[in-house]
Structures are given as C-alpha cells and as structure tokens.
Amino acid sequence: MFARLTAELRKRPKALLVDLTRVGFCSAEALRILLLTTGEAHAAGIPCVIASDQHAVVRPIAALRLEHLLPVYPTLALARERLALCAASTSRRSAVS
C-alpha cells in the first residue's frame, strides 16, 4: 500500500483520494501509512482524503482521534465532492495572488 501511494504522490496529482470502501481490516501499519501519505500530500500541497464507511477503518481513526489528520468520508461521492471544493478553493487563491 505504501509503495503504491508514494508512487501516486510522485506523479504530483491535483488531488489524492484513497478508496478504502472495501477494506475489512485496518492495522496499525495501515494507519501509519495513511498518516505518512496524508502528511506528504499536505506538505506537497496536494489535497488528500479517504473514502470509507467500513467500521474497520473508521473506528480506529475515531478511537485514536485522528480525524483531523485522516479526513474520512463515508462515500466516494462525498470524498470527490470534498476534493472538488479543495480544488475550487485553491483556484480562487491562485487567482487572487
């Protein structure tokens, strides 16, 4: 998972959506990878969100109070909507500069 996410970030996408909608287990290592990935994306100015309504994903993030670092949306549609809002916000800031 880490190699794939890192490879995606190297491509410098406009945004990164991590689809975990079918994940049935989320280990501590997976959380570490998600934290690293979202941190790297943020540092590079790339909006990054996670899509999942799976208890195995949402529960550990909430239990560890990582919601502010790992933004999780319950559906792909809502995650895409959030990324669209981020893109629009970035475009407005660029136009003002």
Protein backbone atom coordinates (compact mmCIF):
# COMPACT_ATOMS: atom_id res chain seq x y z
CA MET A 1 0.00 0.00 0.00
CA PHE A 2 2.75 2.47 0.91
CA ALA A 3 4.64 1.93 -2.35
CA ARG A 4 1.50 2.50 -4.40
CA LEU A 5 0.51 5.65 -2.53
CA THR A 6 4.06 7.01 -2.72
CA ALA A 7 4.14 6.33 -6.45
CA GLU A 8 0.87 8.23 -6.86
CA LEU A 9 2.23 11.20 -4.90
CA ARG A 10 5.36 11.28 -7.09
CA LYS A 11 3.08 11.91 -10.07
CA ARG A 12 2.08 15.21 -8.39
CA PRO A 13 -1.69 14.73 -8.84
CA LYS A 14 -4.06 17.64 -8.28
CA ALA A 15 -5.64 15.55 -5.51
CA LEU A 16 -5.41 12.09 -3.95
CA LEU A 17 -8.42 10.01 -2.99
CA VAL A 18 -7.64 6.82 -1.04
CA ASP A 19 -10.50 4.38 -1.63
CA LEU A 20 -10.90 2.12 1.40
CA THR A 21 -14.58 1.42 0.83
CA ARG A 22 -13.97 -2.33 0.59
CA VAL A 23 -11.38 -2.69 3.33
CA GLY A 24 -12.37 -5.13 6.06
CA PHE A 25 -9.30 -4.74 8.30
CA CYS A 26 -7.13 -1.73 9.12
CA SER A 27 -3.93 -2.48 11.01
CA ALA A 28 -1.71 -0.09 12.94
CA GLU A 29 0.69 -0.29 10.00
CA ALA A 30 -2.07 0.78 7.61
CA LEU A 31 -2.84 3.77 9.85
CA ARG A 32 0.85 4.66 9.90
CA ILE A 33 0.96 4.54 6.10
CA LEU A 34 -2.16 6.68 5.84
CA LEU A 35 -0.67 9.22 8.25
CA LEU A 36 2.58 9.35 6.28
CA THR A 37 0.75 9.64 2.97
CA THR A 38 -1.61 12.41 4.07
CA GLY A 39 1.31 14.24 5.67
CA GLU A 40 3.38 14.05 2.50
CA ALA A 41 0.39 15.12 0.40
CA HIS A 42 -0.27 18.07 2.68
CA ALA A 43 3.39 19.12 2.58
CA ALA A 44 3.27 19.00 -1.23
CA GLY A 45 0.03 21.00 -1.37
CA ILE A 46 -1.97 18.01 -2.63
CA PRO A 47 -5.43 17.62 -1.10
CA CYS A 48 -5.85 14.06 0.20
CA VAL A 49 -8.97 12.37 1.55
CA ILE A 50 -10.04 8.84 2.41
CA ALA A 51 -13.32 7.25 1.38
CA SER A 52 -14.67 4.53 3.67
CA ASP A 53 -17.73 3.68 5.68
CA GLN A 54 -16.14 0.46 6.92
CA HIS A 55 -16.12 0.09 10.70
CA ALA A 56 -12.63 -1.46 10.46
CA VAL A 57 -11.32 1.83 9.03
CA VAL A 58 -13.49 4.47 10.69
CA ARG A 59 -13.39 3.05 14.23
CA PRO A 60 -9.60 3.10 14.83
CA ILE A 61 -9.31 6.57 13.30
CA ALA A 62 -12.04 7.86 15.62
CA ALA A 63 -10.74 5.95 18.65
CA LEU A 64 -7.28 7.47 18.19
CA ARG A 65 -8.81 10.88 17.42
CA LEU A 66 -7.06 11.12 14.09
CA GLU A 67 -9.99 12.60 12.17
CA HIS A 68 -8.21 15.93 11.76
CA LEU A 69 -5.20 14.18 10.20
CA LEU A 70 -7.05 11.48 8.27
CA PRO A 71 -10.15 13.02 6.70
CA VAL A 72 -12.57 10.16 6.05
CA TYR A 73 -15.76 10.49 4.01
CA PRO A 74 -18.35 7.70 4.01
CA THR A 75 -18.72 7.51 0.22
CA LEU A 76 -16.61 8.05 -2.86
CA ALA A 77 -19.08 10.71 -3.98
CA LEU A 78 -18.64 12.75 -0.78
CA ALA A 79 -14.86 12.34 -0.91
CA ARG A 80 -14.82 13.56 -4.53
CA GLU A 81 -17.06 16.48 -3.56
CA ARG A 82 -14.62 17.48 -0.83
CA LEU A 83 -11.70 17.30 -3.25
CA ALA A 84 -13.63 19.45 -5.73
CA LEU A 85 -14.15 22.05 -3.02
CA CYS A 86 -10.43 21.97 -2.24
CA ALA A 87 -9.60 22.44 -5.92
CA ALA A 88 -12.01 25.36 -6.20
CA SER A 89 -10.53 26.96 -3.10
CA THR A 90 -7.01 26.56 -4.48
CA SER A 91 -8.05 28.06 -7.81
CA ARG A 92 -9.55 31.11 -6.08
CA ARG A 93 -6.39 31.64 -4.01
CA SER A 94 -4.23 31.38 -7.15
CA ALA A 95 -6.39 33.91 -8.99
CA VAL A 96 -6.06 36.39 -6.11
CA SER A 97 -2.28 36.07 -5.88
